[in-house]
Amino acid sequence: MNGILRSSRFPFSAVASAALAISLAGGFALQPGVALAAQSQVVLSGAQEVPPVHTAASGHGTITVDDDGSVRGSVMVTGMDATMAHIHIGAPGTNGRHIIDLESSGGGTWSVPAGARLTSKQMTEYKAGDLYINVHSDQYMGGEIRGQLKP
């Protein structure tokens, strides 16, 4: 077998590369006690607001939700003077109450605060695609841009 691994048809570096790729792709998640994570790439726009808002503002970011409900990540907004940002419960086309206040990190970045966690009911809403990020301004107090979180 050692000869096979060292042959030019199956170089050792290929084995090492494959092992690294498996571990980076989440191979570690099979270990007991390690929470799996779902990343949501979110794009925010005024068109997603209810009712839609005509604005040049936009945003994008990544929110990660672990199986234990832990939430982390941030969004970057441009073209607006944001005053508040939250994660809300609500299906596309509906408005809902906010459940997590995001913190301004400066420069248009809004981050999930350390220790933020969804309840089991909120996790069910997340898995159904019924959570969204809403960013508010003085001009649009109900929200200027919005983006649905997709697990």
N, C-alpha and C. Protein backbone atom coordinates (compact mmCIF):
# COMPACT_ATOMS: atom_id res chain seq x y z
N MET A 1 0.83 -1.19 0.00
CA MET A 1 0.00 0.00 0.00
C MET A 1 0.87 1.25 0.00
N ASN A 2 2.00 1.18 0.69
CA ASN A 2 2.87 2.34 0.74
C ASN A 2 3.32 2.74 -0.66
N GLY A 3 3.53 1.74 -1.53
CA GLY A 3 3.92 2.04 -2.90
C GLY A 3 2.83 2.74 -3.67
N ILE A 4 1.57 2.41 -3.38
CA ILE A 4 0.45 3.05 -4.06
C ILE A 4 0.37 4.52 -3.67
N LEU A 5 0.53 4.80 -2.38
CA LEU A 5 0.44 6.18 -1.91
C LEU A 5 1.56 7.04 -2.47
N ARG A 6 2.70 6.44 -2.74
CA ARG A 6 3.83 7.23 -3.21
C ARG A 6 3.95 7.24 -4.74
N SER A 7 3.10 6.52 -5.41
CA SER A 7 3.20 6.52 -6.87
C SER A 7 2.74 7.85 -7.43
N SER A 8 3.13 8.12 -8.66
CA SER A 8 2.75 9.39 -9.28
C SER A 8 1.25 9.44 -9.58
N ARG A 9 0.60 8.27 -9.64
CA ARG A 9 -0.85 8.26 -9.90
C ARG A 9 -1.63 8.61 -8.64
N PHE A 10 -1.06 8.48 -7.50
CA PHE A 10 -1.77 8.74 -6.24
C PHE A 10 -0.79 9.35 -5.24
N PRO A 11 -0.36 10.57 -5.47
CA PRO A 11 0.66 11.18 -4.62
C PRO A 11 0.15 11.44 -3.20
N PHE A 12 1.07 11.39 -2.26
CA PHE A 12 0.73 11.64 -0.86
C PHE A 12 0.07 12.99 -0.67
N SER A 13 0.50 13.99 -1.42
CA SER A 13 -0.10 15.33 -1.27
C SER A 13 -1.59 15.31 -1.59
N ALA A 14 -2.03 14.41 -2.48
CA ALA A 14 -3.47 14.31 -2.78
C ALA A 14 -4.23 13.81 -1.57
N VAL A 15 -3.65 12.85 -0.85
CA VAL A 15 -4.29 12.33 0.36
C VAL A 15 -4.37 13.43 1.41
N ALA A 16 -3.28 14.14 1.60
CA ALA A 16 -3.27 15.22 2.59
C ALA A 16 -4.26 16.31 2.21
N SER A 17 -4.32 16.65 0.93
CA SER A 17 -5.27 17.67 0.47
C SER A 17 -6.70 17.23 0.69
N ALA A 18 -7.00 15.97 0.42
CA ALA A 18 -8.36 15.46 0.62
C ALA A 18 -8.73 15.49 2.09
N ALA A 19 -7.82 15.09 2.96
CA ALA A 19 -8.09 15.10 4.39
C ALA A 19 -8.35 16.52 4.88
N LEU A 20 -7.56 17.47 4.39
CA LEU A 20 -7.75 18.86 4.78
C LEU A 20 -9.10 19.37 4.28
N ALA A 21 -9.46 19.06 3.05
CA ALA A 21 -10.74 19.51 2.49
C ALA A 21 -11.91 18.94 3.28
N ILE A 22 -11.82 17.67 3.67
CA ILE A 22 -12.91 17.06 4.46
C ILE A 22 -13.04 17.76 5.80
N SER A 23 -11.94 18.03 6.46
CA SER A 23 -12.03 18.68 7.77
C SER A 23 -12.55 20.11 7.65
N LEU A 24 -12.13 20.83 6.61
CA LEU A 24 -12.61 22.20 6.42
C LEU A 24 -14.07 22.24 5.99
N ALA A 25 -14.55 21.20 5.35
CA ALA A 25 -15.93 21.15 4.87
C ALA A 25 -16.89 20.73 5.97
N GLY A 26 -16.39 20.52 7.17
CA GLY A 26 -17.30 20.21 8.26
C GLY A 26 -17.16 18.79 8.77
N GLY A 27 -16.09 18.09 8.41
CA GLY A 27 -15.88 16.76 8.92
C GLY A 27 -15.88 16.74 10.44
N PHE A 28 -15.47 17.80 11.07
CA PHE A 28 -15.45 17.90 12.52
C PHE A 28 -16.85 17.86 13.12
N ALA A 29 -17.87 18.19 12.34
CA ALA A 29 -19.24 18.27 12.86
C ALA A 29 -19.76 16.90 13.27
N LEU A 30 -19.08 15.81 12.88
CA LEU A 30 -19.51 14.49 13.27
C LEU A 30 -19.11 14.15 14.69
N GLN A 31 -18.30 14.96 15.31
CA GLN A 31 -17.89 14.72 16.68
C GLN A 31 -19.03 15.04 17.62
N PRO A 32 -19.25 14.20 18.64
CA PRO A 32 -20.32 14.48 19.60
C PRO A 32 -20.10 15.83 20.28
N GLY A 33 -21.18 16.56 20.48
CA GLY A 33 -21.12 17.82 21.22
C GLY A 33 -20.76 19.03 20.38
N VAL A 34 -20.46 18.83 19.10
CA VAL A 34 -20.13 19.95 18.23
C VAL A 34 -21.39 20.38 17.50
N ALA A 35 -21.77 21.65 17.65
CA ALA A 35 -22.99 22.15 17.01
C ALA A 35 -22.77 22.36 15.52
N LEU A 36 -23.77 22.00 14.75
CA LEU A 36 -23.73 22.28 13.31
C LEU A 36 -24.16 23.71 13.09
N ALA A 37 -23.69 24.33 12.05
CA ALA A 37 -24.02 25.73 11.78
C ALA A 37 -24.63 25.87 10.40
N ALA A 38 -25.57 26.80 10.30
CA ALA A 38 -26.16 27.15 9.01
C ALA A 38 -25.85 28.61 8.75
N GLN A 39 -25.24 28.89 7.61
CA GLN A 39 -24.93 30.27 7.24
C GLN A 39 -25.97 30.80 6.28
N SER A 40 -26.44 31.99 6.57
CA SER A 40 -27.38 32.67 5.68
C SER A 40 -26.66 33.86 5.05
N GLN A 41 -26.52 33.83 3.73
CA GLN A 41 -26.04 35.00 3.00
C GLN A 41 -27.26 35.87 2.76
N VAL A 42 -27.26 37.07 3.27
CA VAL A 42 -28.44 37.92 3.19
C VAL A 42 -28.15 39.15 2.35
N VAL A 43 -29.11 39.49 1.49
CA VAL A 43 -29.05 40.70 0.67
C VAL A 43 -30.25 41.55 1.06
N LEU A 44 -29.99 42.81 1.44
CA LEU A 44 -31.05 43.71 1.91
C LEU A 44 -31.37 44.76 0.86
N SER A 45 -32.66 45.05 0.72
CA SER A 45 -33.10 46.08 -0.22
C SER A 45 -34.41 46.68 0.25
N GLY A 46 -34.74 47.84 -0.27
CA GLY A 46 -36.01 48.47 0.03
C GLY A 46 -37.18 47.72 -0.59
N ALA A 47 -36.95 47.02 -1.68
CA ALA A 47 -38.01 46.27 -2.35
C ALA A 47 -38.57 45.15 -1.49
N GLN A 48 -37.77 44.68 -0.51
CA GLN A 48 -38.23 43.60 0.36
C GLN A 48 -39.03 44.10 1.56
N GLU A 49 -39.01 45.42 1.79
CA GLU A 49 -39.79 45.99 2.89
C GLU A 49 -41.28 45.79 2.63
N VAL A 50 -42.06 45.83 3.70
CA VAL A 50 -43.53 45.70 3.60
C VAL A 50 -44.14 46.93 4.25
N PRO A 51 -44.69 47.87 3.44
CA PRO A 51 -44.70 47.91 1.98
C PRO A 51 -43.31 48.26 1.44
N PRO A 52 -43.07 48.02 0.15
CA PRO A 52 -41.76 48.31 -0.44
C PRO A 52 -41.38 49.79 -0.29
N VAL A 53 -40.09 50.03 -0.14
CA VAL A 53 -39.53 51.37 0.01
C VAL A 53 -38.66 51.65 -1.21
N HIS A 54 -38.83 52.82 -1.81
CA HIS A 54 -37.98 53.23 -2.93
C HIS A 54 -36.76 53.95 -2.35
N THR A 55 -35.62 53.28 -2.40
CA THR A 55 -34.39 53.81 -1.82
C THR A 55 -33.19 53.30 -2.61
N ALA A 56 -32.11 54.07 -2.56
CA ALA A 56 -30.86 53.64 -3.17
C ALA A 56 -30.04 52.81 -2.18
N ALA A 57 -30.50 52.71 -0.93
CA ALA A 57 -29.78 51.97 0.10
C ALA A 57 -29.78 50.47 -0.22
N SER A 58 -28.74 49.81 0.25
CA SER A 58 -28.65 48.35 0.09
C SER A 58 -27.78 47.79 1.20
N GLY A 59 -27.75 46.49 1.28
CA GLY A 59 -26.93 45.85 2.29
C GLY A 59 -26.70 44.39 1.96
N HIS A 60 -25.70 43.82 2.63
CA HIS A 60 -25.40 42.40 2.47
C HIS A 60 -24.66 41.93 3.71
N GLY A 61 -24.67 40.64 3.94
CA GLY A 61 -23.94 40.11 5.07
C GLY A 61 -24.12 38.62 5.21
N THR A 62 -23.56 38.10 6.30
CA THR A 62 -23.64 36.68 6.61
C THR A 62 -24.06 36.53 8.07
N ILE A 63 -25.09 35.75 8.28
CA ILE A 63 -25.55 35.42 9.62
C ILE A 63 -25.44 33.91 9.79
N THR A 64 -24.82 33.47 10.88
CA THR A 64 -24.66 32.05 11.16
C THR A 64 -25.51 31.68 12.36
N VAL A 65 -26.26 30.59 12.23
CA VAL A 65 -27.09 30.09 13.31
C VAL A 65 -26.66 28.66 13.59
N ASP A 66 -26.23 28.39 14.84
CA ASP A 66 -25.84 27.04 15.24
C ASP A 66 -27.07 26.26 15.69
N ASP A 67 -26.95 24.93 15.70
CA ASP A 67 -28.07 24.09 16.11
C ASP A 67 -28.54 24.37 17.54
N ASP A 68 -27.65 24.91 18.37
CA ASP A 68 -28.07 25.25 19.74
C ASP A 68 -28.74 26.61 19.82
N GLY A 69 -28.94 27.28 18.68
CA GLY A 69 -29.61 28.57 18.65
C GLY A 69 -28.69 29.77 18.72
N SER A 70 -27.39 29.55 18.91
CA SER A 70 -26.44 30.66 18.94
C SER A 70 -26.41 31.35 17.59
N VAL A 71 -26.37 32.68 17.62
CA VAL A 71 -26.40 33.48 16.39
C VAL A 71 -25.18 34.40 16.39
N ARG A 72 -24.55 34.54 15.22
CA ARG A 72 -23.43 35.47 15.07
C ARG A 72 -23.40 35.96 13.63
N GLY A 73 -22.70 37.04 13.42
CA GLY A 73 -22.55 37.57 12.07
C GLY A 73 -22.83 39.05 12.01
N SER A 74 -22.84 39.58 10.79
CA SER A 74 -23.05 41.01 10.61
C SER A 74 -23.56 41.30 9.21
N VAL A 75 -24.07 42.51 9.06
CA VAL A 75 -24.47 43.02 7.75
C VAL A 75 -23.81 44.38 7.55
N MET A 76 -23.53 44.71 6.30
CA MET A 76 -22.96 46.00 5.92
C MET A 76 -23.99 46.71 5.07
N VAL A 77 -24.33 47.95 5.46
CA VAL A 77 -25.31 48.72 4.70
C VAL A 77 -24.64 49.95 4.10
N THR A 78 -25.14 50.36 2.92
CA THR A 78 -24.62 51.55 2.25
C THR A 78 -25.79 52.36 1.71
N GLY A 79 -25.54 53.65 1.51
CA GLY A 79 -26.54 54.52 0.92
C GLY A 79 -27.62 55.00 1.87
N MET A 80 -27.38 54.88 3.18
CA MET A 80 -28.36 55.33 4.16
C MET A 80 -27.67 55.64 5.48
N ASP A 81 -28.35 56.44 6.31
CA ASP A 81 -27.91 56.69 7.67
C ASP A 81 -28.76 55.83 8.59
N ALA A 82 -28.29 54.60 8.83
CA ALA A 82 -29.05 53.65 9.65
C ALA A 82 -29.07 54.09 11.10
N THR A 83 -30.23 53.96 11.73
CA THR A 83 -30.38 54.31 13.14
C THR A 83 -30.54 53.08 14.03
N MET A 84 -31.09 52.00 13.48
CA MET A 84 -31.29 50.75 14.22
C MET A 84 -31.30 49.60 13.23
N ALA A 85 -31.01 48.42 13.73
CA ALA A 85 -31.11 47.20 12.93
C ALA A 85 -31.48 46.05 13.86
N HIS A 86 -32.31 45.16 13.36
CA HIS A 86 -32.79 44.05 14.17
C HIS A 86 -32.95 42.79 13.33
N ILE A 87 -33.02 41.66 14.02
CA ILE A 87 -33.53 40.43 13.42
C ILE A 87 -34.98 40.32 13.89
N HIS A 88 -35.88 40.11 12.93
CA HIS A 88 -37.32 40.03 13.19
C HIS A 88 -37.84 38.64 12.84
N ILE A 89 -39.00 38.29 13.41
CA ILE A 89 -39.76 37.13 12.98
C ILE A 89 -40.75 37.61 11.93
N GLY A 90 -40.83 36.92 10.80
CA GLY A 90 -41.81 37.25 9.77
C GLY A 90 -41.46 36.60 8.45
N ALA A 91 -42.46 36.00 7.84
CA ALA A 91 -42.29 35.40 6.52
C ALA A 91 -42.13 36.50 5.48
N PRO A 92 -41.61 36.18 4.31
CA PRO A 92 -41.54 37.19 3.24
C PRO A 92 -42.93 37.79 3.00
N GLY A 93 -42.98 39.11 2.87
CA GLY A 93 -44.24 39.79 2.63
C GLY A 93 -45.03 40.13 3.87
N THR A 94 -44.49 39.78 5.04
CA THR A 94 -45.16 40.11 6.30
C THR A 94 -44.18 40.81 7.23
N ASN A 95 -44.71 41.59 8.15
CA ASN A 95 -43.89 42.23 9.19
C ASN A 95 -44.09 41.48 10.50
N GLY A 96 -43.07 41.53 11.34
CA GLY A 96 -43.14 40.87 12.63
C GLY A 96 -42.31 41.59 13.66
N ARG A 97 -42.39 41.10 14.87
CA ARG A 97 -41.67 41.75 15.98
C ARG A 97 -40.18 41.44 15.92
N HIS A 98 -39.39 42.38 16.48
CA HIS A 98 -37.95 42.12 16.49
C HIS A 98 -37.60 41.24 17.68
N ILE A 99 -36.58 40.40 17.46
CA ILE A 99 -36.17 39.47 18.51
C ILE A 99 -34.72 39.66 18.93
N ILE A 100 -33.89 40.21 18.05
CA ILE A 100 -32.49 40.48 18.40
C ILE A 100 -32.12 41.85 17.87
N ASP A 101 -31.63 42.72 18.75
CA ASP A 101 -31.12 44.03 18.35
C ASP A 101 -29.69 43.85 17.85
N LEU A 102 -29.39 44.40 16.69
CA LEU A 102 -28.02 44.39 16.18
C LEU A 102 -27.30 45.63 16.69
N GLU A 103 -25.99 45.53 16.82
CA GLU A 103 -25.18 46.63 17.33
C GLU A 103 -24.38 47.26 16.20
N SER A 104 -24.32 48.59 16.20
CA SER A 104 -23.53 49.29 15.20
C SER A 104 -22.05 49.10 15.51
N SER A 105 -21.31 48.62 14.53
CA SER A 105 -19.86 48.46 14.66
C SER A 105 -19.13 49.59 13.96
N GLY A 106 -19.89 50.56 13.42
CA GLY A 106 -19.30 51.68 12.70
C GLY A 106 -19.12 51.37 11.23
N GLY A 107 -19.05 52.41 10.44
CA GLY A 107 -18.81 52.24 9.01
C GLY A 107 -19.92 51.52 8.26
N GLY A 108 -21.13 51.55 8.79
CA GLY A 108 -22.25 50.89 8.14
C GLY A 108 -22.42 49.42 8.48
N THR A 109 -21.61 48.92 9.40
CA THR A 109 -21.68 47.52 9.80
C THR A 109 -22.54 47.37 11.05
N TRP A 110 -23.46 46.40 11.01
CA TRP A 110 -24.33 46.07 12.14
C TRP A 110 -24.11 44.60 12.48
N SER A 111 -23.78 44.34 13.76
CA SER A 111 -23.38 42.99 14.17
C SER A 111 -24.33 42.41 15.20
N VAL A 112 -24.45 41.08 15.15
CA VAL A 112 -25.19 40.35 16.17
C VAL A 112 -24.37 40.43 17.45
N PRO A 113 -24.98 40.81 18.58
CA PRO A 113 -24.21 40.92 19.82
C PRO A 113 -23.76 39.55 20.32
N ALA A 114 -22.64 39.53 21.02
CA ALA A 114 -22.12 38.29 21.60
C ALA A 114 -23.18 37.68 22.51
N GLY A 115 -23.30 36.38 22.45
CA GLY A 115 -24.24 35.67 23.32
C GLY A 115 -25.67 35.62 22.81
N ALA A 116 -25.94 36.18 21.63
CA ALA A 116 -27.31 36.15 21.09
C ALA A 116 -27.71 34.71 20.80
N ARG A 117 -28.96 34.39 21.13
CA ARG A 117 -29.43 33.01 20.97
C ARG A 117 -30.92 33.01 20.64
N LEU A 118 -31.31 32.13 19.73
CA LEU A 118 -32.71 31.94 19.40
C LEU A 118 -33.33 30.91 20.34
N THR A 119 -34.60 31.09 20.66
CA THR A 119 -35.34 30.08 21.42
C THR A 119 -35.66 28.92 20.48
N SER A 120 -36.18 27.82 21.02
CA SER A 120 -36.53 26.69 20.15
C SER A 120 -37.64 27.09 19.17
N LYS A 121 -38.60 27.91 19.60
CA LYS A 121 -39.66 28.37 18.70
C LYS A 121 -39.07 29.25 17.59
N GLN A 122 -38.14 30.13 17.95
CA GLN A 122 -37.50 30.99 16.96
C GLN A 122 -36.64 30.18 15.99
N MET A 123 -36.03 29.08 16.47
CA MET A 123 -35.27 28.19 15.58
C MET A 123 -36.19 27.57 14.54
N THR A 124 -37.40 27.20 14.96
CA THR A 124 -38.38 26.66 14.02
C THR A 124 -38.72 27.70 12.96
N GLU A 125 -38.90 28.95 13.39
CA GLU A 125 -39.18 30.04 12.45
C GLU A 125 -38.00 30.22 11.49
N TYR A 126 -36.78 30.18 12.01
CA TYR A 126 -35.59 30.34 11.17
C TYR A 126 -35.54 29.24 10.11
N LYS A 127 -35.73 27.98 10.52
CA LYS A 127 -35.66 26.86 9.59
C LYS A 127 -36.74 26.94 8.52
N ALA A 128 -37.85 27.62 8.83
CA ALA A 128 -38.93 27.81 7.85
C ALA A 128 -38.67 29.01 6.95
N GLY A 129 -37.58 29.75 7.20
CA GLY A 129 -37.28 30.95 6.40
C GLY A 129 -38.05 32.17 6.84
N ASP A 130 -38.52 32.16 8.09
CA ASP A 130 -39.38 33.22 8.59
C ASP A 130 -38.69 34.18 9.56
N LEU A 131 -37.39 34.43 9.36
CA LEU A 131 -36.67 35.48 10.07
C LEU A 131 -36.08 36.42 9.02
N TYR A 132 -36.00 37.69 9.38
CA TYR A 132 -35.41 38.66 8.46
C TYR A 132 -34.66 39.73 9.22
N ILE A 133 -33.76 40.42 8.52
CA ILE A 133 -33.05 41.56 9.08
C ILE A 133 -33.71 42.81 8.54
N ASN A 134 -33.95 43.76 9.42
CA ASN A 134 -34.56 45.03 9.05
C ASN A 134 -33.65 46.15 9.55
N VAL A 135 -33.33 47.09 8.67
CA VAL A 135 -32.48 48.22 9.02
C VAL A 135 -33.31 49.49 8.88
N HIS A 136 -33.34 50.28 9.94
CA HIS A 136 -34.19 51.47 10.04
C HIS A 136 -33.38 52.75 9.85
N SER A 137 -34.07 53.82 9.48
CA SER A 137 -33.47 55.15 9.38
C SER A 137 -34.49 56.16 9.88
N ASP A 138 -34.05 57.41 10.08
CA ASP A 138 -35.00 58.46 10.48
C ASP A 138 -36.05 58.68 9.40
N GLN A 139 -35.66 58.54 8.15
CA GLN A 139 -36.60 58.74 7.05
C GLN A 139 -37.62 57.61 6.95
N TYR A 140 -37.18 56.38 7.24
CA TYR A 140 -38.06 55.21 7.17
C TYR A 140 -37.98 54.47 8.51
N MET A 141 -38.75 54.97 9.48
CA MET A 141 -38.67 54.42 10.83
C MET A 141 -39.14 52.97 10.92
N GLY A 142 -40.01 52.55 10.00
CA GLY A 142 -40.46 51.17 9.98
C GLY A 142 -39.48 50.23 9.31
N GLY A 143 -38.46 50.79 8.70
CA GLY A 143 -37.45 50.00 8.02
C GLY A 143 -37.22 50.51 6.61
N GLU A 144 -35.94 50.71 6.27
CA GLU A 144 -35.59 51.18 4.93
C GLU A 144 -35.16 50.03 4.02
N ILE A 145 -34.43 49.08 4.59
CA ILE A 145 -34.02 47.90 3.82
C ILE A 145 -34.22 46.65 4.66
N ARG A 146 -34.46 45.56 3.96
CA ARG A 146 -34.78 44.30 4.63
C ARG A 146 -34.20 43.16 3.82
N GLY A 147 -33.84 42.08 4.53
CA GLY A 147 -33.36 40.87 3.86
C GLY A 147 -33.78 39.64 4.63
N GLN A 148 -34.37 38.69 3.95
CA GLN A 148 -34.84 37.45 4.57
C GLN A 148 -33.66 36.53 4.82
N LEU A 149 -33.63 35.88 6.00
CA LEU A 149 -32.59 34.89 6.31
C LEU A 149 -33.04 33.54 5.77
N LYS A 150 -32.21 32.92 4.96
CA LYS A 150 -32.54 31.63 4.36
C LYS A 150 -31.57 30.59 4.89
N PRO A 151 -32.08 29.63 5.65
CA PRO A 151 -31.18 28.60 6.22
C PRO A 151 -30.54 27.72 5.17
